[in-house]
Amino acid sequence: ASAEADITFEDTMFEIGAGYAFAESTKMRWEVIGGARYTRQELEVDATLNPPVPGPSIAVDKNNDEDWWHGFAGVRLFYSLTDKWTFAGRSDYGYGDSDNTAVNATFFFDYRFNDWGSVLAGFRYLDYDYDNGRSGSNHYAYDAVQQGPLLGLTVHW
């Protein structure tokens, strides 16, 4: 027997939110944040199973697109290391219902190279637990940790 599979998975996410500084000094600012996070996942599976005896192959072609929103709340910290370097950290908890939660933690170092821009490097940890609540072939669940390095460019105006 042999099997071949071609799996494509796309994960798109964006969020909108606001923050309010509740503690500030010349070097440090703490903010409470809140907003909404949108996630869309597209999964495509094309597989073929060849039985160990002569006979027809079994083909599987499954496509599934899911999207969801959840609100989040958390805190953010900015700490000025120098005139050009800032450390930033963020942690939030997202909730849609008991089967739609996320824990997010991010930290990065930001280097302001001129008035209009800065570059950042850091790390992000995002733990998702999602279940669409449906049954049968319409059931979709995603329980995974997405983590890794962050690199970015910030434009200030």
C-alpha atoms as a PDB file:
ATOM      1  CA  ALA A   1       0.000   0.000   0.000  1.00  0.00           C
ATOM      2  CA  SER A   2       1.108   3.550  -0.602  1.00  0.00           C
ATOM      3  CA  ALA A   3      -0.364   6.959  -0.032  1.00  0.00           C
ATOM      4  CA  GLU A   4       0.310  10.401  -1.430  1.00  0.00           C
ATOM      5  CA  ALA A   5      -1.021  13.646   0.010  1.00  0.00           C
ATOM      6  CA  ASP A   6      -0.836  17.299  -0.919  1.00  0.00           C
ATOM      7  CA  ILE A   7      -1.904  19.545   1.961  1.00  0.00           C
ATOM      8  CA  THR A   8      -2.189  23.343   1.753  1.00  0.00           C
ATOM      9  CA  PHE A   9      -2.938  25.390   4.869  1.00  0.00           C
ATOM     10  CA  GLU A  10      -3.296  29.190   4.926  1.00  0.00           C
ATOM     11  CA  ASP A  11      -3.773  31.165   8.130  1.00  0.00           C
ATOM     12  CA  THR A  12      -4.706  34.859   7.966  1.00  0.00           C
ATOM     13  CA  MET A  13      -5.184  36.997  11.049  1.00  0.00           C
ATOM     14  CA  PHE A  14      -5.715  40.667  11.840  1.00  0.00           C
ATOM     15  CA  GLU A  15      -6.850  42.614  14.840  1.00  0.00           C
ATOM     16  CA  ILE A  16      -8.189  46.006  15.720  1.00  0.00           C
ATOM     17  CA  GLY A  17      -7.984  47.498  19.164  1.00  0.00           C
ATOM     18  CA  ALA A  18      -7.184  50.381  21.455  1.00  0.00           C
ATOM     19  CA  GLY A  19      -5.076  51.004  24.518  1.00  0.00           C
ATOM     20  CA  TYR A  20      -5.190  53.271  27.533  1.00  0.00           C
ATOM     21  CA  ALA A  21      -2.073  54.219  29.517  1.00  0.00           C
ATOM     22  CA  PHE A  22      -2.781  53.676  33.221  1.00  0.00           C
ATOM     23  CA  ALA A  23       0.788  54.151  34.518  1.00  0.00           C
ATOM     24  CA  GLU A  24       3.535  56.273  32.989  1.00  0.00           C
ATOM     25  CA  SER A  25       6.996  57.582  33.813  1.00  0.00           C
ATOM     26  CA  THR A  26       9.795  59.090  31.732  1.00  0.00           C
ATOM     27  CA  LYS A  27      11.073  55.626  30.734  1.00  0.00           C
ATOM     28  CA  MET A  28       8.072  53.320  31.077  1.00  0.00           C
ATOM     29  CA  ARG A  29       4.401  53.139  30.046  1.00  0.00           C
ATOM     30  CA  TRP A  30       1.838  50.479  31.015  1.00  0.00           C
ATOM     31  CA  GLU A  31      -1.358  50.189  28.968  1.00  0.00           C
ATOM     32  CA  VAL A  32      -4.531  48.172  29.234  1.00  0.00           C
ATOM     33  CA  ILE A  33      -5.606  47.009  25.757  1.00  0.00           C
ATOM     34  CA  GLY A  34      -8.761  45.601  24.220  1.00  0.00           C
ATOM     35  CA  GLY A  35     -10.099  44.811  20.798  1.00  0.00           C
ATOM     36  CA  ALA A  36     -11.140  42.064  18.401  1.00  0.00           C
ATOM     37  CA  ARG A  37      -9.062  39.485  16.518  1.00  0.00           C
ATOM     38  CA  TYR A  38     -10.220  37.931  13.223  1.00  0.00           C
ATOM     39  CA  THR A  39      -8.835  34.615  11.979  1.00  0.00           C
ATOM     40  CA  ARG A  40      -9.419  32.853   8.659  1.00  0.00           C
ATOM     41  CA  GLN A  41      -8.011  29.418   7.899  1.00  0.00           C
ATOM     42  CA  GLU A  42      -8.134  27.650   4.554  1.00  0.00           C
ATOM     43  CA  LEU A  43      -7.320  23.934   4.416  1.00  0.00           C
ATOM     44  CA  GLU A  44      -7.076  21.874   1.231  1.00  0.00           C
ATOM     45  CA  VAL A  45      -6.247  18.158   1.258  1.00  0.00           C
ATOM     46  CA  ASP A  46      -5.760  16.082  -1.895  1.00  0.00           C
ATOM     47  CA  ALA A  47      -4.791  12.492  -1.084  1.00  0.00           C
ATOM     48  CA  THR A  48      -4.597   9.180  -2.907  1.00  0.00           C
ATOM     49  CA  LEU A  49      -4.426   5.766  -1.213  1.00  0.00           C
ATOM     50  CA  ASN A  50      -3.229   2.828  -3.304  1.00  0.00           C
ATOM     51  CA  PRO A  51      -4.312  -0.528  -1.803  1.00  0.00           C
ATOM     52  CA  PRO A  52      -1.738  -3.328  -1.292  1.00  0.00           C
ATOM     53  CA  VAL A  53      -3.543  -5.528  -3.850  1.00  0.00           C
ATOM     54  CA  PRO A  54      -4.425  -4.611  -7.426  1.00  0.00           C
ATOM     55  CA  GLY A  55      -7.523  -2.504  -7.558  1.00  0.00           C
ATOM     56  CA  PRO A  56      -8.752   1.056  -7.760  1.00  0.00           C
ATOM     57  CA  SER A  57      -7.097   3.835  -5.789  1.00  0.00           C
ATOM     58  CA  ILE A  58      -9.054   5.803  -3.232  1.00  0.00           C
ATOM     59  CA  ALA A  59      -8.983   9.565  -3.727  1.00  0.00           C
ATOM     60  CA  VAL A  60      -9.775  12.137  -1.061  1.00  0.00           C
ATOM     61  CA  ASP A  61     -10.371  15.782  -1.920  1.00  0.00           C
ATOM     62  CA  LYS A  62     -11.352  17.925   1.068  1.00  0.00           C
ATOM     63  CA  ASN A  63     -11.528  21.710   1.258  1.00  0.00           C
ATOM     64  CA  ASN A  64     -12.472  23.593   4.380  1.00  0.00           C
ATOM     65  CA  ASP A  65     -12.546  27.337   5.021  1.00  0.00           C
ATOM     66  CA  GLU A  66     -13.262  28.639   8.531  1.00  0.00           C
ATOM     67  CA  ASP A  67     -13.245  32.127   9.967  1.00  0.00           C
ATOM     68  CA  TRP A  68     -14.003  33.514  13.408  1.00  0.00           C
ATOM     69  CA  TRP A  69     -13.802  36.591  15.612  1.00  0.00           C
ATOM     70  CA  HIS A  70     -13.071  36.908  19.271  1.00  0.00           C
ATOM     71  CA  GLY A  71     -12.577  39.805  21.619  1.00  0.00           C
ATOM     72  CA  PHE A  72      -9.364  40.183  23.579  1.00  0.00           C
ATOM     73  CA  ALA A  73      -8.124  42.098  26.614  1.00  0.00           C
ATOM     74  CA  GLY A  74      -4.660  42.423  28.068  1.00  0.00           C
ATOM     75  CA  VAL A  75      -1.734  44.651  28.984  1.00  0.00           C
ATOM     76  CA  ARG A  76       1.164  46.218  27.122  1.00  0.00           C
ATOM     77  CA  LEU A  77       4.481  47.568  28.399  1.00  0.00           C
ATOM     78  CA  PHE A  78       6.894  49.988  26.705  1.00  0.00           C
ATOM     79  CA  TYR A  79      10.276  50.616  28.321  1.00  0.00           C
ATOM     80  CA  SER A  80      12.787  53.097  26.826  1.00  0.00           C
ATOM     81  CA  LEU A  81      16.268  51.626  27.039  1.00  0.00           C
ATOM     82  CA  THR A  82      17.929  54.575  25.229  1.00  0.00           C
ATOM     83  CA  ASP A  83      16.812  57.406  22.944  1.00  0.00           C
ATOM     84  CA  LYS A  84      16.661  54.938  20.037  1.00  0.00           C
ATOM     85  CA  TRP A  85      15.978  51.539  21.666  1.00  0.00           C
ATOM     86  CA  THR A  86      12.680  50.462  23.267  1.00  0.00           C
ATOM     87  CA  PHE A  87      11.613  47.156  24.774  1.00  0.00           C
ATOM     88  CA  ALA A  88       7.925  46.259  24.349  1.00  0.00           C
ATOM     89  CA  GLY A  89       5.915  43.382  25.766  1.00  0.00           C
ATOM     90  CA  ARG A  90       2.295  42.407  25.400  1.00  0.00           C
ATOM     91  CA  SER A  91       0.030  39.714  26.770  1.00  0.00           C
ATOM     92  CA  ASP A  92      -3.671  39.203  26.098  1.00  0.00           C
ATOM     93  CA  TYR A  93      -6.444  36.673  26.391  1.00  0.00           C
ATOM     94  CA  GLY A  94      -8.983  36.268  23.597  1.00  0.00           C
ATOM     95  CA  TYR A  95     -12.445  34.832  24.120  1.00  0.00           C
ATOM     96  CA  GLY A  96     -15.274  34.028  21.714  1.00  0.00           C
ATOM     97  CA  ASP A  97     -16.989  31.309  23.768  1.00  0.00           C
ATOM     98  CA  SER A  98     -15.837  28.214  25.647  1.00  0.00           C
ATOM     99  CA  ASP A  99     -14.519  26.644  22.414  1.00  0.00           C
ATOM    100  CA  ASN A 100     -12.913  29.792  20.983  1.00  0.00           C
ATOM    101  CA  THR A 101     -10.052  31.102  23.102  1.00  0.00           C
ATOM    102  CA  ALA A 102      -6.509  32.341  22.566  1.00  0.00           C
ATOM    103  CA  VAL A 103      -3.534  33.230  24.751  1.00  0.00           C
ATOM    104  CA  ASN A 104      -1.130  35.687  23.131  1.00  0.00           C
ATOM    105  CA  ALA A 105       2.283  36.889  24.365  1.00  0.00           C
ATOM    106  CA  THR A 106       4.730  39.056  22.429  1.00  0.00           C
ATOM    107  CA  PHE A 107       7.974  40.836  23.196  1.00  0.00           C
ATOM    108  CA  PHE A 108      10.312  42.775  20.936  1.00  0.00           C
ATOM    109  CA  PHE A 109      13.093  45.322  20.773  1.00  0.00           C
ATOM    110  CA  ASP A 110      12.443  48.378  18.614  1.00  0.00           C
ATOM    111  CA  TYR A 111      15.198  50.531  17.083  1.00  0.00           C
ATOM    112  CA  ARG A 112      14.072  54.018  15.961  1.00  0.00           C
ATOM    113  CA  PHE A 113      16.410  54.902  13.072  1.00  0.00           C
ATOM    114  CA  ASN A 114      14.833  58.313  12.264  1.00  0.00           C
ATOM    115  CA  ASP A 115      11.686  60.411  12.821  1.00  0.00           C
ATOM    116  CA  TRP A 116       9.463  58.402  10.515  1.00  0.00           C
ATOM    117  CA  GLY A 117      10.563  54.805  11.067  1.00  0.00           C
ATOM    118  CA  SER A 118      11.810  52.009  13.257  1.00  0.00           C
ATOM    119  CA  VAL A 119      12.603  48.313  12.929  1.00  0.00           C
ATOM    120  CA  LEU A 120      11.734  45.637  15.443  1.00  0.00           C
ATOM    121  CA  ALA A 121      12.791  42.090  16.267  1.00  0.00           C
ATOM    122  CA  GLY A 122      11.272  39.785  18.850  1.00  0.00           C
ATOM    123  CA  PHE A 123       9.163  36.691  19.508  1.00  0.00           C
ATOM    124  CA  ARG A 124       5.459  35.814  19.515  1.00  0.00           C
ATOM    125  CA  TYR A 125       3.577  32.966  21.207  1.00  0.00           C
ATOM    126  CA  LEU A 126      -0.092  32.391  20.288  1.00  0.00           C
ATOM    127  CA  ASP A 127      -2.046  29.425  21.669  1.00  0.00           C
ATOM    128  CA  TYR A 128      -5.364  28.874  19.876  1.00  0.00           C
ATOM    129  CA  ASP A 129      -8.235  26.602  20.907  1.00  0.00           C
ATOM    130  CA  TYR A 130     -11.082  26.785  18.382  1.00  0.00           C
ATOM    131  CA  ASP A 131     -14.025  24.505  17.618  1.00  0.00           C
ATOM    132  CA  ASN A 132     -16.871  25.518  15.310  1.00  0.00           C
ATOM    133  CA  GLY A 133     -19.389  23.429  17.292  1.00  0.00           C
ATOM    134  CA  ARG A 134     -20.701  21.572  14.253  1.00  0.00           C
ATOM    135  CA  SER A 135     -20.787  17.795  13.829  1.00  0.00           C
ATOM    136  CA  GLY A 136     -20.030  15.371  11.039  1.00  0.00           C
ATOM    137  CA  SER A 137     -18.157  16.479   7.935  1.00  0.00           C
ATOM    138  CA  ASN A 138     -18.785  20.162   8.826  1.00  0.00           C
ATOM    139  CA  HIS A 139     -16.841  19.873  12.100  1.00  0.00           C
ATOM    140  CA  TYR A 140     -13.646  21.931  12.282  1.00  0.00           C
ATOM    141  CA  ALA A 141     -11.338  22.314  15.248  1.00  0.00           C
ATOM    142  CA  TYR A 142      -7.950  23.965  15.634  1.00  0.00           C
ATOM    143  CA  ASP A 143      -5.954  23.525  18.840  1.00  0.00           C
ATOM    144  CA  ALA A 144      -2.368  24.574  18.253  1.00  0.00           C
ATOM    145  CA  VAL A 145       0.445  26.872  19.287  1.00  0.00           C
ATOM    146  CA  GLN A 146       1.863  29.282  16.738  1.00  0.00           C
ATOM    147  CA  GLN A 147       5.200  30.671  17.846  1.00  0.00           C
ATOM    148  CA  GLY A 148       8.286  32.149  16.333  1.00  0.00           C
ATOM    149  CA  PRO A 149      10.367  35.209  15.585  1.00  0.00           C
ATOM    150  CA  LEU A 150       8.975  38.651  14.718  1.00  0.00           C
ATOM    151  CA  LEU A 151      10.588  41.109  12.329  1.00  0.00           C
ATOM    152  CA  GLY A 152       8.938  44.336  11.305  1.00  0.00           C
ATOM    153  CA  LEU A 153       9.097  47.896  10.083  1.00  0.00           C
ATOM    154  CA  THR A 154       7.052  50.605  11.814  1.00  0.00           C
ATOM    155  CA  VAL A 155       6.131  53.858  10.086  1.00  0.00           C
ATOM    156  CA  HIS A 156       5.487  56.755  12.495  1.00  0.00           C
ATOM    157  CA  TRP A 157       3.411  59.827  11.622  1.00  0.00           C
END
